[in-house]
N, C-alpha and C. Protein backbone atom coordinates (compact mmCIF):
# COMPACT_ATOMS: atom_id res chain seq x y z
N MET A 1 130.45 97.72 102.04
CA MET A 1 129.21 98.26 101.49
C MET A 1 129.05 97.82 99.79
N VAL A 2 130.09 97.70 98.94
CA VAL A 2 130.16 97.35 98.42
C VAL A 2 130.17 95.46 98.10
N GLY A 3 130.19 95.21 98.59
CA GLY A 3 129.96 93.62 99.07
C GLY A 3 128.35 93.17 99.62
N ALA A 4 128.30 93.78 100.63
CA ALA A 4 126.71 93.89 101.02
C ALA A 4 125.93 94.30 99.48
N ALA A 5 126.18 95.55 98.61
CA ALA A 5 125.06 95.80 97.42
C ALA A 5 125.55 94.54 96.62
N LEU A 6 126.66 94.23 95.99
CA LEU A 6 126.35 92.58 95.30
C LEU A 6 125.59 91.48 96.22
N ARG A 7 125.56 91.54 97.15
CA ARG A 7 124.49 90.59 97.44
C ARG A 7 122.79 90.85 97.08
N VAL A 8 122.68 92.01 97.35
CA VAL A 8 121.95 92.76 97.00
C VAL A 8 121.20 92.05 95.94
N LEU A 9 122.22 92.52 95.17
CA LEU A 9 121.90 92.28 93.96
C LEU A 9 120.97 90.95 93.41
N GLY A 10 122.55 90.27 93.94
CA GLY A 10 122.00 88.70 93.81
C GLY A 10 121.19 88.53 93.92
N PHE A 11 119.95 88.98 95.24
CA PHE A 11 118.95 88.33 95.90
C PHE A 11 117.83 88.62 94.59
N GLU A 12 118.17 90.13 94.19
CA GLU A 12 116.85 90.58 93.34
C GLU A 12 117.30 89.97 91.79
N VAL A 13 118.17 88.58 91.60
CA VAL A 13 118.37 88.03 90.18
C VAL A 13 117.66 86.91 90.41
N LYS A 14 118.03 85.99 91.80
CA LYS A 14 117.39 84.87 92.22
C LYS A 14 115.62 84.96 92.06
N GLY A 15 115.27 86.47 92.56
CA GLY A 15 114.01 86.28 93.31
C GLY A 15 113.45 86.88 92.07
N LEU A 16 113.94 87.00 90.38
CA LEU A 16 113.35 86.97 89.09
C LEU A 16 113.75 85.68 88.79
N ALA A 17 114.57 84.12 88.81
CA ALA A 17 114.53 83.54 88.26
C ALA A 17 113.55 82.48 89.17
N SER A 18 113.12 82.79 90.52
CA SER A 18 112.27 82.11 91.60
C SER A 18 111.01 82.28 90.53
N ALA A 19 110.49 83.31 90.30
CA ALA A 19 109.16 83.95 89.87
C ALA A 19 109.19 82.81 88.32
N GLY A 20 110.35 82.49 88.16
CA GLY A 20 110.16 81.71 85.94
C GLY A 20 109.42 80.69 87.11
N LEU A 21 110.41 80.40 87.64
CA LEU A 21 110.17 78.34 88.44
C LEU A 21 109.07 78.47 88.80
N TRP A 22 108.29 78.85 89.10
CA TRP A 22 107.30 79.18 89.86
C TRP A 22 106.20 79.51 88.65
N ILE A 23 106.61 79.99 87.44
CA ILE A 23 105.58 79.59 86.74
C ILE A 23 104.87 78.30 86.38
N VAL A 24 106.70 77.91 85.91
CA VAL A 24 106.74 76.59 85.08
C VAL A 24 106.64 75.43 86.08
N ARG A 25 105.89 75.91 87.15
CA ARG A 25 105.43 74.65 88.36
C ARG A 25 107.16 74.17 89.20
N ARG A 26 107.91 74.79 89.12
CA ARG A 26 109.02 73.62 88.90
C ARG A 26 110.17 74.13 90.66
N ARG A 27 110.54 73.23 91.19
CA ARG A 27 111.53 74.07 92.35
C ARG A 27 113.19 73.59 91.93
N HIS A 28 113.90 75.03 93.43
CA HIS A 28 115.30 74.88 92.94
C HIS A 28 115.81 73.51 93.56
N GLY A 29 116.90 73.15 93.67
CA GLY A 29 117.34 72.92 93.71
C GLY A 29 117.04 70.84 94.83
N VAL A 30 115.86 70.78 94.66
CA VAL A 30 115.83 69.52 95.06
C VAL A 30 115.49 68.54 93.88
N PRO A 31 116.94 67.66 94.39
CA PRO A 31 117.53 66.52 93.38
C PRO A 31 116.54 65.15 93.76
N PRO A 32 116.23 64.47 92.68
CA PRO A 32 115.28 63.22 92.69
C PRO A 32 115.62 62.12 93.89
N GLY A 33 114.92 61.87 94.61
CA GLY A 33 114.80 61.31 95.65
C GLY A 33 115.45 61.98 97.21
N ALA A 34 115.19 63.63 96.81
CA ALA A 34 115.14 64.06 97.86
C ALA A 34 113.65 64.91 98.73
N SER A 35 113.52 64.85 100.16
CA SER A 35 112.19 65.48 100.42
C SER A 35 112.65 66.47 100.22
N ALA A 36 111.26 67.33 99.68
CA ALA A 36 111.39 69.19 99.88
C ALA A 36 110.17 69.33 100.72
N VAL A 37 110.69 70.57 102.02
CA VAL A 37 110.07 70.55 102.98
C VAL A 37 109.56 72.01 102.62
N THR A 38 108.13 72.37 102.32
CA THR A 38 107.97 73.76 102.63
C THR A 38 108.25 74.46 103.95
N TYR A 39 107.45 75.73 103.79
CA TYR A 39 107.57 76.79 105.34
C TYR A 39 106.86 77.86 105.55
N ALA A 40 105.97 78.17 104.07
CA ALA A 40 105.69 79.17 103.66
C ALA A 40 104.50 79.30 104.43
N LYS A 41 103.66 78.55 103.98
CA LYS A 41 102.41 78.16 104.67
C LYS A 41 101.82 79.86 105.61
N GLU A 42 102.67 80.01 106.71
CA GLU A 42 102.50 80.36 107.76
C GLU A 42 102.14 81.98 107.69
N GLN A 43 102.74 82.73 106.28
CA GLN A 43 102.83 83.80 105.84
C GLN A 43 102.48 84.56 104.81
N THR A 44 101.50 83.45 103.92
CA THR A 44 101.55 83.30 103.22
C THR A 44 99.97 84.23 103.10
N PHE A 45 98.59 84.36 104.03
CA PHE A 45 97.97 85.30 103.78
C PHE A 45 98.52 86.61 104.36
N VAL A 46 99.25 86.77 105.03
CA VAL A 46 99.77 87.68 105.05
C VAL A 46 100.33 88.60 104.23
N LEU A 47 100.94 88.11 104.02
CA LEU A 47 101.38 88.43 102.46
C LEU A 47 100.74 88.59 101.33
N ALA A 48 100.25 87.76 101.06
CA ALA A 48 98.57 88.20 100.29
C ALA A 48 98.04 89.40 101.12
N LEU A 49 98.05 89.65 101.23
CA LEU A 49 96.92 91.07 102.19
C LEU A 49 97.83 91.70 102.60
N MET A 50 99.04 91.52 102.21
CA MET A 50 99.98 93.25 102.04
C MET A 50 99.81 93.45 100.71
N LEU A 51 100.25 92.89 99.57
CA LEU A 51 100.64 92.55 98.35
C LEU A 51 99.64 93.95 98.09
N PHE A 52 97.60 93.07 98.26
CA PHE A 52 96.34 93.57 98.26
C PHE A 52 96.60 94.93 98.54
N ALA A 53 97.20 95.32 99.80
CA ALA A 53 97.21 96.15 100.37
C ALA A 53 97.33 97.67 99.31
N MET A 54 99.14 96.72 98.42
CA MET A 54 100.11 97.71 98.48
C MET A 54 99.61 97.97 97.40
N ALA A 55 99.27 97.13 96.52
CA ALA A 55 98.09 97.28 94.80
C ALA A 55 97.25 98.29 94.88
N ILE A 56 95.81 98.77 96.13
CA ILE A 56 95.45 100.18 96.02
C ILE A 56 96.09 100.70 97.00
N GLU A 57 96.91 100.94 97.39
CA GLU A 57 98.24 102.30 97.51
C GLU A 57 98.49 102.84 96.58
N THR A 58 99.23 101.91 95.45
CA THR A 58 99.87 102.45 94.37
C THR A 58 98.82 103.15 93.61
N VAL A 59 97.70 102.55 93.33
CA VAL A 59 96.67 103.30 92.17
C VAL A 59 95.60 104.71 93.20
N VAL A 60 95.62 104.70 94.62
CA VAL A 60 95.35 105.71 94.64
C VAL A 60 96.01 106.54 95.02
N VAL A 61 97.63 106.49 95.08
CA VAL A 61 98.12 107.41 95.81
C VAL A 61 99.00 108.13 94.25
N ASP A 62 98.48 107.19 93.06
CA ASP A 62 98.90 107.54 91.26
C ASP A 62 98.11 108.79 91.38
N LEU A 63 96.78 108.66 92.10
CA LEU A 63 95.61 109.42 91.50
C LEU A 63 95.55 110.26 91.79
N LEU A 64 95.71 110.35 93.27
CA LEU A 64 95.97 111.72 94.10
C LEU A 64 96.93 112.73 93.47
N LEU A 65 98.54 112.74 93.19
CA LEU A 65 99.32 113.32 92.51
C LEU A 65 99.37 113.57 91.01
N VAL A 66 97.70 112.97 90.32
CA VAL A 66 97.50 113.57 89.13
C VAL A 66 96.64 114.64 89.52
N ALA A 67 96.13 114.55 90.38
CA ALA A 67 94.47 115.53 90.98
C ALA A 67 95.24 117.05 91.47
N VAL A 68 96.51 116.21 92.05
CA VAL A 68 96.68 117.75 92.93
C VAL A 68 98.32 118.54 91.90
N GLY A 69 98.46 117.96 90.75
CA GLY A 69 99.12 118.57 90.09
C GLY A 69 100.52 118.07 90.33
N VAL A 70 101.32 117.00 90.86
CA VAL A 70 102.66 117.37 91.38
C VAL A 70 103.65 116.32 89.82
N PRO A 71 105.04 117.66 89.91
CA PRO A 71 105.52 116.99 88.35
C PRO A 71 105.30 116.15 87.49
N GLY A 72 104.96 115.75 86.44
CA GLY A 72 105.73 114.14 86.32
C GLY A 72 106.50 113.52 86.48
N TRP A 73 107.89 113.79 86.80
CA TRP A 73 109.22 113.28 87.35
C TRP A 73 109.16 112.86 89.45
N LEU A 74 108.21 113.68 89.66
CA LEU A 74 107.48 113.48 91.13
C LEU A 74 107.00 112.56 91.27
N ARG A 75 105.77 112.78 90.15
CA ARG A 75 104.64 111.13 90.34
C ARG A 75 105.45 109.95 89.67
N TYR A 76 106.09 109.89 88.35
CA TYR A 76 106.83 108.42 87.75
C TYR A 76 107.65 107.75 89.25
N THR A 77 108.90 109.01 89.34
CA THR A 77 109.51 108.01 90.54
C THR A 77 108.95 107.44 91.83
N VAL A 78 107.60 108.01 92.64
CA VAL A 78 106.79 107.43 93.28
C VAL A 78 105.95 106.10 93.19
N LEU A 79 105.84 106.32 91.86
CA LEU A 79 104.92 104.90 91.13
C LEU A 79 106.31 104.07 91.04
N ILE A 80 107.21 104.05 90.45
CA ILE A 80 108.71 103.14 90.08
C ILE A 80 108.76 102.65 92.08
N ALA A 81 108.82 103.74 92.80
CA ALA A 81 109.14 103.16 94.17
C ALA A 81 107.90 102.39 94.44
N ASP A 82 106.72 102.43 93.97
CA ASP A 82 105.54 101.63 94.41
C ASP A 82 105.38 100.53 94.31
N LEU A 83 105.73 100.21 92.67
CA LEU A 83 105.85 99.60 91.79
C LEU A 83 106.67 98.52 92.09
N TYR A 84 108.08 98.65 92.76
CA TYR A 84 109.17 98.34 93.20
C TYR A 84 108.93 97.43 94.04
N GLY A 85 107.85 98.11 94.82
CA GLY A 85 107.50 97.59 96.74
C GLY A 85 106.69 95.79 95.87
N LEU A 86 106.01 96.30 95.64
CA LEU A 86 104.77 94.88 94.67
C LEU A 86 105.50 93.75 94.28
N LEU A 87 106.68 94.44 93.08
CA LEU A 87 107.27 93.12 93.20
C LEU A 87 108.32 92.53 94.05
N PHE A 88 108.75 93.41 94.72
CA PHE A 88 109.36 92.50 95.36
C PHE A 88 108.69 91.69 96.38
N GLY A 89 107.66 92.13 96.81
CA GLY A 89 106.52 90.97 97.79
C GLY A 89 106.52 89.68 96.38
N VAL A 90 106.33 90.03 95.99
CA VAL A 90 105.28 88.86 95.03
C VAL A 90 107.26 87.94 94.36
N LEU A 91 107.97 89.20 94.59
CA LEU A 91 109.56 87.55 94.10
C LEU A 91 110.11 86.58 96.02
N LEU A 92 108.86 87.46 96.74
CA LEU A 92 109.61 87.06 97.83
C LEU A 92 109.28 85.75 98.04
N ALA A 93 107.35 85.99 97.21
CA ALA A 93 106.63 84.55 97.35
C ALA A 93 106.95 83.63 96.81
N ALA A 94 107.33 83.98 95.29
CA ALA A 94 107.83 82.95 94.49
C ALA A 94 108.94 82.45 94.89
N ALA A 95 110.16 82.84 95.23
CA ALA A 95 111.43 82.49 96.37
C ALA A 95 111.16 81.73 97.12
N CYS A 96 110.20 81.35 97.86
CA CYS A 96 109.59 81.28 99.65
C CYS A 96 109.22 79.75 98.97
N ALA A 97 108.57 79.57 98.12
CA ALA A 97 107.68 78.02 97.33
C ALA A 97 108.94 78.02 96.71
N THR A 98 109.70 78.36 95.70
CA THR A 98 109.96 77.44 94.80
C THR A 98 111.59 76.95 95.45
N ARG A 99 112.39 77.60 96.34
CA ARG A 99 113.53 77.28 96.87
C ARG A 99 112.87 76.59 98.42
N PRO A 100 112.17 74.84 98.41
CA PRO A 100 112.41 75.28 100.00
C PRO A 100 113.93 74.23 100.45
N HIS A 101 112.95 74.29 102.31
CA HIS A 101 114.23 73.29 102.89
C HIS A 101 114.66 71.57 101.56
N VAL A 102 115.60 71.08 101.86
CA VAL A 102 115.57 70.14 101.68
C VAL A 102 116.73 68.83 102.54
N ILE A 103 116.08 67.87 101.93
CA ILE A 103 116.37 66.34 102.96
C ILE A 103 117.09 65.56 102.40
N THR A 104 118.51 65.19 102.09
CA THR A 104 118.71 64.12 101.43
C THR A 104 119.56 62.90 102.20
N ASP A 105 120.14 62.03 101.47
CA ASP A 105 120.60 61.08 102.06
C ASP A 105 121.96 61.51 102.69
N ASP A 106 122.61 62.91 102.49
CA ASP A 106 124.19 63.40 102.76
C ASP A 106 124.11 64.75 103.75
N GLU A 107 122.50 65.35 103.42
CA GLU A 107 122.89 67.05 103.90
C GLU A 107 120.98 67.03 104.03
N LEU A 108 121.03 68.30 105.40
CA LEU A 108 119.99 68.98 105.86
C LEU A 108 120.12 70.24 104.96
N ARG A 109 119.38 71.59 104.04
CA ARG A 109 119.57 71.64 103.52
C ARG A 109 117.98 72.71 104.06
N ILE A 110 118.73 73.99 104.68
CA ILE A 110 117.60 74.75 105.39
C ILE A 110 117.90 76.18 104.47
N ARG A 111 116.95 76.83 104.67
CA ARG A 111 116.87 78.03 103.44
C ARG A 111 115.92 78.23 104.38
N TYR A 112 115.86 80.06 103.26
CA TYR A 112 114.36 81.20 102.72
C TYR A 112 114.65 82.07 102.52
N ALA A 113 113.39 81.78 101.20
CA ALA A 113 113.58 82.45 99.98
C ALA A 113 114.79 82.52 99.23
N ALA A 114 115.13 83.21 98.82
CA ALA A 114 116.26 83.50 97.89
C ALA A 114 117.83 83.90 99.26
N TYR A 115 117.65 84.66 100.47
CA TYR A 115 118.08 85.74 101.61
C TYR A 115 119.28 84.89 102.26
N PHE A 116 118.77 83.32 102.56
CA PHE A 116 119.71 82.29 103.56
C PHE A 116 119.50 81.23 102.39
N ASP A 117 121.15 80.51 103.28
CA ASP A 117 120.87 79.22 102.65
C ASP A 117 121.98 78.54 103.23
N VAL A 118 121.62 76.90 104.36
CA VAL A 118 122.83 76.79 104.81
C VAL A 118 123.13 74.98 104.73
N ARG A 119 124.33 74.45 104.01
CA ARG A 119 123.88 72.89 103.81
C ARG A 119 124.83 72.59 105.66
N VAL A 120 123.88 71.34 106.08
CA VAL A 120 124.22 71.03 106.98
C VAL A 120 124.59 69.11 106.74
N PRO A 121 125.80 68.85 107.42
CA PRO A 121 125.92 67.05 106.71
C PRO A 121 125.42 66.81 107.62
N LEU A 122 124.58 65.07 107.21
CA LEU A 122 123.41 65.07 108.30
C LEU A 122 124.34 64.08 109.03
N ASP A 123 125.89 63.71 108.91
CA ASP A 123 126.93 63.36 109.88
C ASP A 123 126.99 63.45 111.15
N ARG A 124 126.51 64.94 110.65
CA ARG A 124 127.00 66.59 111.91
C ARG A 124 126.15 65.94 112.92
N ILE A 125 124.26 65.76 112.18
CA ILE A 125 123.53 66.04 113.32
C ILE A 125 123.69 64.72 114.43
N VAL A 126 123.66 65.75 115.67
CA VAL A 126 123.13 64.56 116.92
C VAL A 126 121.37 64.45 117.41
N SER A 127 120.63 65.38 117.01
CA SER A 127 119.62 64.84 117.44
C SER A 127 118.51 65.59 116.17
N VAL A 128 117.38 65.57 116.20
CA VAL A 128 116.44 66.73 115.69
C VAL A 128 115.04 66.52 116.55
N ARG A 129 114.25 67.96 117.49
CA ARG A 129 113.66 67.79 118.18
C ARG A 129 112.41 68.51 117.38
N THR A 130 111.29 68.37 117.55
CA THR A 130 109.90 70.00 117.68
C THR A 130 109.51 70.39 118.81
N GLY A 131 109.48 71.73 118.18
CA GLY A 131 108.65 72.91 119.57
C GLY A 131 109.30 73.75 118.82
N ARG A 132 107.59 74.63 118.86
CA ARG A 132 107.56 75.62 118.93
C ARG A 132 107.92 76.67 119.75
N ASN A 133 108.38 77.81 118.82
CA ASN A 133 109.04 78.94 119.34
C ASN A 133 108.30 80.50 118.76
N LEU A 134 107.75 80.88 119.49
CA LEU A 134 107.20 82.39 119.15
C LEU A 134 107.61 83.61 119.22
N ASN A 135 108.73 83.14 119.71
CA ASN A 135 109.40 85.05 119.97
C ASN A 135 110.55 85.23 118.77
N GLU A 136 110.88 84.96 117.57
CA GLU A 136 111.58 84.82 116.88
C GLU A 136 111.87 86.25 116.47
N ASP A 137 113.26 86.75 116.81
CA ASP A 137 112.52 88.76 116.05
C ASP A 137 113.11 89.09 114.88
N ARG A 138 114.22 87.79 114.46
CA ARG A 138 114.23 87.97 113.15
C ARG A 138 114.68 86.54 112.13
N MET A 139 114.07 87.46 110.93
CA MET A 139 114.49 86.78 110.26
C MET A 139 115.36 85.06 109.83
N VAL A 140 116.43 85.95 109.99
CA VAL A 140 117.79 84.86 110.91
C VAL A 140 118.85 85.38 111.80
N SER A 141 119.05 84.86 112.43
CA SER A 141 119.36 85.39 113.62
C SER A 141 120.57 84.07 114.13
N VAL A 142 121.42 84.78 114.82
CA VAL A 142 122.59 84.32 115.27
C VAL A 142 123.08 84.56 116.83
N ALA A 143 123.14 83.63 118.05
CA ALA A 143 123.39 83.72 119.10
C ALA A 143 123.79 82.84 119.93
N ASP A 144 125.19 83.65 120.93
CA ASP A 144 125.32 81.68 121.04
C ASP A 144 125.70 80.92 120.65
N GLY A 145 126.31 80.95 119.90
CA GLY A 145 125.91 79.30 118.71
C GLY A 145 124.82 78.51 117.84
N GLN A 146 123.98 79.58 117.92
CA GLN A 146 122.56 78.89 118.25
C GLN A 146 122.02 79.98 117.00
N LEU A 147 121.81 79.03 115.72
CA LEU A 147 120.87 80.20 114.27
C LEU A 147 119.45 79.74 114.21
N GLY A 148 118.70 80.93 114.24
CA GLY A 148 117.22 80.61 114.28
C GLY A 148 117.05 81.22 112.97
N VAL A 149 116.30 80.30 112.00
CA VAL A 149 115.85 80.37 110.51
C VAL A 149 114.76 80.63 110.51
N ALA A 150 114.08 81.69 110.59
CA ALA A 150 112.32 82.72 111.31
C ALA A 150 111.47 82.43 109.81
N VAL A 151 110.13 82.01 110.16
CA VAL A 151 109.13 81.96 109.67
C VAL A 151 107.76 82.70 110.25
N ALA A 152 107.64 84.19 110.10
CA ALA A 152 106.28 84.91 110.52
C ALA A 152 106.32 85.13 112.29
N SER A 153 108.16 85.22 112.43
CA SER A 153 108.36 85.47 113.86
C SER A 153 108.36 83.77 114.67
N GLN A 154 108.40 82.75 113.52
CA GLN A 154 108.42 81.39 114.53
C GLN A 154 109.14 80.85 114.06
N THR A 155 109.50 79.23 114.80
CA THR A 155 110.50 78.43 114.74
C THR A 155 109.39 76.78 115.85
N ASN A 156 109.79 75.81 114.23
CA ASN A 156 109.44 74.97 115.50
C ASN A 156 110.00 73.09 114.82
N LEU A 157 111.54 73.54 115.08
CA LEU A 157 112.06 72.63 114.78
C LEU A 157 113.72 72.60 115.25
N THR A 158 113.92 72.15 115.98
CA THR A 158 115.72 72.05 116.25
C THR A 158 116.78 70.87 116.72
N VAL A 159 117.63 71.42 115.75
CA VAL A 159 118.51 70.52 115.40
C VAL A 159 119.85 70.81 116.01
N GLU A 160 120.66 69.87 116.46
CA GLU A 160 121.74 70.13 117.48
C GLU A 160 123.30 69.27 116.98
N LEU A 161 123.76 69.81 116.93
CA LEU A 161 124.92 69.73 116.32
C LEU A 161 126.02 68.93 116.66
N ALA A 162 127.21 68.06 116.31
CA ALA A 162 127.49 67.03 117.14
C ALA A 162 129.59 68.35 116.93
N GLY A 163 129.54 69.62 115.96
CA GLY A 163 130.43 69.81 115.48
C GLY A 163 129.80 71.77 114.69
N PRO A 164 130.95 72.56 114.92
CA PRO A 164 130.62 73.30 114.35
C PRO A 164 130.08 73.80 112.70
N VAL A 165 128.92 74.50 112.16
CA VAL A 165 128.59 74.28 110.44
C VAL A 165 129.03 75.82 110.74
N THR A 166 128.97 76.22 109.93
CA THR A 166 129.79 78.09 109.16
C THR A 166 128.12 78.35 108.30
N VAL A 167 127.82 79.06 108.65
CA VAL A 167 127.15 79.94 107.94
C VAL A 167 127.07 81.37 107.91
N VAL A 168 126.91 81.58 106.68
CA VAL A 168 126.71 83.08 106.00
C VAL A 168 125.42 83.53 105.81
N ARG A 169 125.28 84.73 106.92
CA ARG A 169 124.08 85.02 106.99
C ARG A 169 123.70 86.69 105.81
N PRO A 170 122.12 87.02 105.48
CA PRO A 170 122.23 87.71 104.17
C PRO A 170 122.96 88.25 103.76
N LEU A 171 123.70 89.25 104.64
CA LEU A 171 124.63 90.29 104.14
C LEU A 171 126.06 89.80 103.62
N GLY A 172 126.44 88.66 104.14
CA GLY A 172 127.69 88.07 104.12
C GLY A 172 128.52 87.90 105.35
N ARG A 173 127.90 88.12 106.32
CA ARG A 173 128.96 87.88 107.74
C ARG A 173 129.08 86.33 108.23
N ARG A 174 129.87 85.67 108.46
CA ARG A 174 130.42 84.45 109.18
C ARG A 174 129.81 84.29 110.09
N ALA A 175 129.53 83.14 110.39
CA ALA A 175 130.13 82.17 111.63
C ALA A 175 128.97 80.73 111.91
N GLU A 176 129.53 80.69 112.77
CA GLU A 176 129.39 78.94 113.01
C GLU A 176 128.79 78.74 114.10
N VAL A 177 127.62 78.06 114.27
CA VAL A 177 126.77 76.98 115.07
C VAL A 177 126.72 75.98 115.56
N THR A 178 126.59 75.34 116.27
CA THR A 178 125.99 74.22 116.89
C THR A 178 125.08 73.70 117.14
N SER A 179 124.08 74.87 116.98
CA SER A 179 122.58 74.13 116.89
C SER A 179 120.95 75.79 115.61
N ILE A 180 120.79 74.52 115.53
CA ILE A 180 120.02 75.66 114.09
C ILE A 180 118.25 75.00 115.26
N ARG A 181 118.01 75.96 114.46
CA ARG A 181 115.99 76.66 114.99
C ARG A 181 115.71 77.21 113.65
N PHE A 182 114.66 76.05 112.88
CA PHE A 182 113.65 76.30 111.67
C PHE A 182 112.90 76.15 111.74
N PHE A 183 111.74 76.61 111.22
CA PHE A 183 110.52 76.14 110.78
C PHE A 183 109.89 75.86 109.56
N ALA A 184 108.49 74.86 109.59
CA ALA A 184 108.62 73.67 108.62
C ALA A 184 107.07 73.65 108.51
N ASP A 185 106.33 74.32 107.18
CA ASP A 185 104.83 74.03 107.54
C ASP A 185 104.84 72.21 107.89
N ASP A 186 104.85 71.33 107.90
CA ASP A 186 104.79 69.99 108.15
C ASP A 186 105.90 69.68 109.25
N PRO A 187 106.12 69.79 110.76
CA PRO A 187 107.61 69.39 111.78
C PRO A 187 107.66 67.93 111.65
N GLU A 188 106.51 67.37 111.66
CA GLU A 188 106.47 65.97 111.70
C GLU A 188 106.97 64.86 110.75
N ALA A 189 106.65 65.70 109.23
CA ALA A 189 107.12 65.26 108.44
C ALA A 189 108.80 65.10 108.60
N VAL A 190 109.08 66.05 109.17
CA VAL A 190 110.66 66.37 108.78
C VAL A 190 111.35 65.61 109.62
N LEU A 191 110.93 65.14 110.56
CA LEU A 191 111.10 63.87 111.69
C LEU A 191 110.62 62.70 111.18
N ALA A 192 110.27 62.49 110.19
CA ALA A 192 109.54 61.12 109.72
C ALA A 192 111.28 61.19 108.34
N ALA A 193 110.97 62.29 107.72
CA ALA A 193 111.96 62.09 106.83
C ALA A 193 113.95 62.12 106.77
N LEU A 194 114.00 62.59 108.07
CA LEU A 194 115.13 62.90 108.28
C LEU A 194 115.86 62.34 109.71
N ARG A 195 115.40 61.25 110.03
CA ARG A 195 115.31 60.41 110.96
C ARG A 195 115.96 58.64 111.02
N PRO A 196 115.76 58.46 109.99
CA PRO A 196 115.82 57.18 109.41
C PRO A 196 117.63 57.97 108.75
N ARG A 197 117.46 58.99 108.36
CA ARG A 197 118.56 58.70 107.42
C ARG A 197 119.95 59.38 107.78
N LEU A 198 119.72 59.29 110.09
CA LEU A 198 120.66 60.41 110.75
C LEU A 198 121.62 58.51 111.14
N THR A 199 122.85 58.88 111.00
CA THR A 199 123.72 57.76 111.80
C THR A 199 123.53 57.37 113.22
N VAL A 200 123.15 58.67 113.78
CA VAL A 200 122.97 58.56 115.29
C VAL A 200 122.00 59.12 115.45
N PRO A 201 121.24 58.01 116.31
CA PRO A 201 119.77 58.34 117.44
C PRO A 201 119.67 59.33 117.63
N SER A 202 117.94 59.78 116.86
CA SER A 202 118.34 61.11 117.75
C SER A 202 116.58 60.86 118.71
């Protein structure tokens, strides 16, 4: 429990750092010569709509609590919880924008905001292909040696590996995988950037 709580705290710190990077228009972990791969466009509209609705709800609920004369401590508790929800949404958007997938000459780095990060050595990759899957039920899932990193419940790229790679799930559990499904805004651009770097035909 303590380990999980510390990881959650770490996510919050990384989210705040991401907001700072977002403001100054910089990205995390993208070295010179690397290809940055964005993945958040599919969720942008829904996330923006959710934040707008939450902002309206925060104002309406606070006015309602004032109108019915609830105790100040209860009103402020609800207000803080609502504001935290808004902050969480903003930090999620910032982390997704500033922490893209990254392709270098040595590795493929697959991420989701501040919550997930796995580095795959290119010499471990056997093949990479496109193919949309709209039935992903979790942001990060592991089953039968297959890792899924979904955005808006979908993936559109699959990487097959010659040997297992260890992944650390958001709350700290480890697993070994030999196949990875993930999402990119432009999967064809990923193929164009990745295939020339592979030592094995794909």
